[in-house]
């Protein structure tokens, strides 16, 4: 559900448009078998992008005081930003750019499930801790707005990504901004895929593969 390109790509991606890193028509996408039966249309299946994708830009900005945070729900819930598809057979590939500022970003899958944490039970992001506020934190340079390196993969009714935006201490107020480039993809199932095809496809893992270890 989430891919993070490393900063070594930053000098490359600044020379291209964000959409050049997106899935294209005829690209292959594989959903691993960890997806529960709720998503049986996708779980363990290989798809190809059947039509030309459509890219939709969107941005969300907030002004927050220092040492404060705001949680942003990206899902289609009542209070969410509603950035998820509403139909099966559709994948949204969302490149998330973070505009410069004195703040950090944490990513959760649903409330309290930390994507970036360590195996020891106390080693999870905590904005009330002087040190653990930086555990797994993303800074604007990790996924610049003009050259995003953070990609989320979203399907209908998938668990909600929660983005926590935390303004650092010593700052009066800060404008925090996330820029989204949403690549809308229609998928067509490829029956009886080979292991080679699956290996070459973009893998969309269920979030449980990213947590708990």
Protein backbone atom coordinates (compact mmCIF):
# COMPACT_ATOMS: atom_id res chain seq x y z
CA UNK A 1 0.00 0.00 0.00
CA UNK A 2 2.99 2.32 0.41
CA UNK A 3 6.30 2.81 -1.37
CA UNK A 4 9.04 5.25 -0.40
CA UNK A 5 11.76 6.00 -2.95
CA UNK A 6 15.04 6.93 -1.32
CA UNK A 7 16.53 10.42 -1.46
CA UNK A 8 19.22 9.25 -3.86
CA UNK A 9 16.45 9.47 -6.48
CA UNK A 10 15.78 13.12 -5.66
CA UNK A 11 18.35 14.48 -8.13
CA UNK A 12 16.82 12.27 -10.81
CA UNK A 13 13.16 13.01 -10.20
CA UNK A 14 13.74 16.75 -10.21
CA UNK A 15 14.62 16.35 -13.88
CA UNK A 16 11.30 14.65 -14.70
CA UNK A 17 7.65 15.19 -13.95
CA UNK A 18 6.11 13.22 -11.06
CA UNK A 19 3.87 11.39 -13.54
CA UNK A 20 6.94 9.91 -15.23
CA UNK A 21 7.30 7.62 -12.19
CA UNK A 22 3.64 6.57 -12.28
CA UNK A 23 2.15 3.36 -13.58
CA UNK A 24 1.17 3.66 -17.24
CA UNK A 25 -1.28 1.95 -19.57
CA UNK A 26 -0.35 -1.75 -19.88
CA UNK A 27 1.60 -1.69 -16.58
CA UNK A 28 1.10 -4.74 -14.38
CA UNK A 29 -0.14 -4.62 -10.79
CA UNK A 30 -0.21 -7.54 -8.34
CA UNK A 31 -2.10 -7.56 -5.03
CA UNK A 32 -0.52 -9.99 -2.59
CA UNK A 33 -2.51 -12.79 -0.96
CA UNK A 34 -2.51 -11.04 2.43
CA UNK A 35 -5.48 -8.93 1.30
CA UNK A 36 -8.50 -10.34 3.21
CA UNK A 37 -11.70 -11.67 1.63
CA UNK A 38 -13.23 -8.19 1.84
CA UNK A 39 -11.09 -7.47 -1.22
CA UNK A 40 -11.39 -10.86 -2.90
CA UNK A 41 -11.68 -9.14 -6.28
CA UNK A 42 -8.03 -8.10 -5.85
CA UNK A 43 -6.36 -10.51 -3.41
CA UNK A 44 -3.68 -12.68 -5.01
CA UNK A 45 -4.52 -11.46 -8.52
CA UNK A 46 -2.58 -9.82 -11.32
CA UNK A 47 -4.00 -6.91 -13.32
CA UNK A 48 -2.97 -4.72 -16.20
CA UNK A 49 -3.78 -1.03 -16.50
CA UNK A 50 -6.38 -1.19 -19.27
CA UNK A 51 -6.81 2.49 -20.17
CA UNK A 52 -4.78 5.67 -20.26
CA UNK A 53 -4.47 6.90 -16.66
CA UNK A 54 -5.91 10.21 -15.49
CA UNK A 55 -3.84 12.34 -13.10
CA UNK A 56 -5.67 14.59 -10.64
CA UNK A 57 -3.72 17.11 -8.53
CA UNK A 58 -4.99 18.15 -5.11
CA UNK A 59 -3.57 19.93 -2.07
CA UNK A 60 -4.44 20.27 1.61
CA UNK A 61 -3.06 23.09 3.79
CA UNK A 62 -3.42 23.96 7.46
CA UNK A 63 -1.93 26.58 9.78
CA UNK A 64 -0.83 25.07 13.10
CA UNK A 65 0.94 26.43 16.19
CA UNK A 66 4.33 25.15 17.30
CA UNK A 67 4.45 21.84 19.19
CA UNK A 68 0.98 20.96 17.89
CA UNK A 69 -0.28 18.50 15.30
CA UNK A 70 -3.21 17.60 13.08
CA UNK A 71 -4.28 14.16 11.87
CA UNK A 72 -5.45 13.98 8.26
CA UNK A 73 -7.59 11.01 7.23
CA UNK A 74 -7.13 10.33 3.51
CA UNK A 75 -10.08 7.91 3.26
CA UNK A 76 -13.65 8.50 2.12
CA UNK A 77 -14.99 8.61 5.67
CA UNK A 78 -17.20 11.53 6.69
CA UNK A 79 -14.24 13.46 8.10
CA UNK A 80 -11.74 12.23 5.50
CA UNK A 81 -10.23 13.94 2.47
CA UNK A 82 -12.01 11.36 0.30
CA UNK A 83 -9.01 10.43 -1.83
CA UNK A 84 -9.95 6.73 -2.25
CA UNK A 85 -11.74 5.12 -5.23
CA UNK A 86 -15.46 4.37 -4.98
CA UNK A 87 -15.43 1.40 -7.37
CA UNK A 88 -13.74 -1.99 -7.46
CA UNK A 89 -11.33 -2.55 -10.32
CA UNK A 90 -9.86 0.90 -9.78
CA UNK A 91 -6.51 1.76 -8.21
CA UNK A 92 -5.42 5.25 -7.14
CA UNK A 93 -1.64 5.70 -7.16
CA UNK A 94 -1.11 8.77 -4.98
CA UNK A 95 2.25 10.59 -5.04
CA UNK A 96 2.45 12.66 -1.84
CA UNK A 97 4.62 15.77 -1.84
CA UNK A 98 5.43 17.74 1.33
CA UNK A 99 5.95 21.49 0.96
CA UNK A 100 8.88 23.04 2.87
CA UNK A 101 8.34 24.08 6.47
CA UNK A 102 9.28 23.47 10.10
CA UNK A 103 7.27 20.30 10.54
CA UNK A 104 7.47 16.54 10.30
CA UNK A 105 5.01 13.94 9.08
CA UNK A 106 4.03 10.56 10.50
CA UNK A 107 2.02 7.94 8.61
CA UNK A 108 -0.46 5.54 10.16
CA UNK A 109 -2.72 2.87 8.72
CA UNK A 110 -5.96 3.36 10.61
CA UNK A 111 -5.72 4.80 14.11
CA UNK A 112 -2.73 3.60 16.16
CA UNK A 113 -1.11 1.33 13.54
CA UNK A 114 2.28 2.79 12.80
CA UNK A 115 3.92 2.17 9.44
CA UNK A 116 7.37 3.31 10.52
CA UNK A 117 8.20 1.74 13.88
CA UNK A 118 10.56 -0.87 15.29
CA UNK A 119 9.91 -4.31 16.76
CA UNK A 120 10.44 -3.39 20.42
CA UNK A 121 7.03 -2.54 21.89
CA UNK A 122 7.93 0.99 23.01
CA UNK A 123 9.64 2.03 19.77
CA UNK A 124 6.80 3.76 17.98
CA UNK A 125 6.39 7.40 16.87
CA UNK A 126 5.27 9.67 19.71
CA UNK A 127 5.02 13.44 19.22
CA UNK A 128 5.02 13.93 23.01
CA UNK A 129 8.50 12.38 23.27
CA UNK A 130 11.63 14.49 22.73
CA UNK A 131 13.28 11.66 20.78
CA UNK A 132 10.58 9.35 19.46
CA UNK A 133 8.83 12.19 17.66
CA UNK A 134 11.55 11.68 15.04
CA UNK A 135 11.17 7.90 14.78
CA UNK A 136 10.01 7.17 11.25
CA UNK A 137 9.22 10.84 10.68
CA UNK A 138 9.21 12.24 7.17
CA UNK A 139 10.62 15.71 6.57
CA UNK A 140 9.71 17.83 3.55
CA UNK A 141 13.04 16.88 1.94
CA UNK A 142 12.07 13.18 2.08
CA UNK A 143 9.27 13.72 -0.45
CA UNK A 144 9.51 17.21 -1.95
CA UNK A 145 6.33 18.73 -3.35
CA UNK A 146 7.91 19.17 -6.79
CA UNK A 147 9.41 15.68 -6.88
CA UNK A 148 7.44 13.36 -4.57
CA UNK A 149 9.10 10.13 -3.45
CA UNK A 150 6.26 8.81 -1.28
CA UNK A 151 3.61 6.74 -3.09
CA UNK A 152 0.37 5.39 -1.60
CA UNK A 153 -1.74 2.74 -3.35
CA UNK A 154 -5.44 2.99 -2.59
CA UNK A 155 -8.44 0.83 -3.47
CA UNK A 156 -12.11 0.99 -2.50
CA UNK A 157 -12.72 0.68 1.26
CA UNK A 158 -9.06 -0.14 2.02
CA UNK A 159 -7.81 0.74 5.53
CA UNK A 160 -7.45 4.47 6.00
CA UNK A 161 -4.08 6.14 5.78
CA UNK A 162 -3.76 8.77 8.52
CA UNK A 163 -1.12 11.46 8.06
CA UNK A 164 -0.06 13.29 11.25
CA UNK A 165 1.46 16.72 10.63
CA UNK A 166 3.47 17.97 13.62
CA UNK A 167 4.91 21.50 13.83
CA UNK A 168 8.24 21.60 15.64
CA UNK A 169 8.83 23.41 18.92
CA UNK A 170 10.07 27.01 18.84
CA UNK A 171 7.85 27.91 15.90
CA UNK A 172 5.03 30.41 16.37
CA UNK A 173 2.80 29.17 13.57
CA UNK A 174 3.55 27.17 10.45
CA UNK A 175 1.64 26.49 7.26
CA UNK A 176 1.74 22.76 6.54
CA UNK A 177 0.86 21.58 3.04
CA UNK A 178 0.55 18.20 1.39
CA UNK A 179 0.34 18.06 -2.40
CA UNK A 180 -1.27 14.98 -3.91
CA UNK A 181 -0.92 13.77 -7.50
CA UNK A 182 -3.52 11.04 -7.89
CA UNK A 183 -3.02 8.66 -10.81
CA UNK A 184 -6.42 7.07 -11.51
CA UNK A 185 -6.04 3.57 -12.98
CA UNK A 186 -8.62 1.16 -14.37
CA UNK A 187 -7.56 -2.45 -13.90
CA UNK A 188 -8.28 -5.55 -15.97
CA UNK A 189 -7.54 -8.96 -14.45
CA UNK A 190 -4.95 -11.13 -16.17
CA UNK A 191 -6.07 -14.76 -15.68
CA UNK A 192 -3.55 -17.52 -14.98
CA UNK A 193 -0.51 -15.28 -14.52
CA UNK A 194 2.95 -16.78 -14.56
CA UNK A 195 5.40 -16.37 -11.68
CA UNK A 196 7.55 -14.26 -13.97
CA UNK A 197 4.67 -11.87 -14.67
CA UNK A 198 3.89 -11.57 -10.97
CA UNK A 199 7.55 -10.89 -10.18
CA UNK A 200 7.70 -8.07 -12.75
CA UNK A 201 4.44 -6.41 -11.61
CA UNK A 202 4.10 -3.51 -9.16
CA UNK A 203 3.28 -5.27 -5.90
CA UNK A 204 0.55 -3.75 -3.72
CA UNK A 205 0.94 -5.35 -0.29
CA UNK A 206 -1.67 -5.33 2.45
CA UNK A 207 -0.63 -3.11 5.34
CA UNK A 208 0.01 -6.06 7.70
CA UNK A 209 3.19 -6.76 5.75
CA UNK A 210 4.52 -3.35 6.83
CA UNK A 211 3.83 -3.60 10.59
CA UNK A 212 4.44 -5.93 13.53
CA UNK A 213 8.16 -6.65 13.11
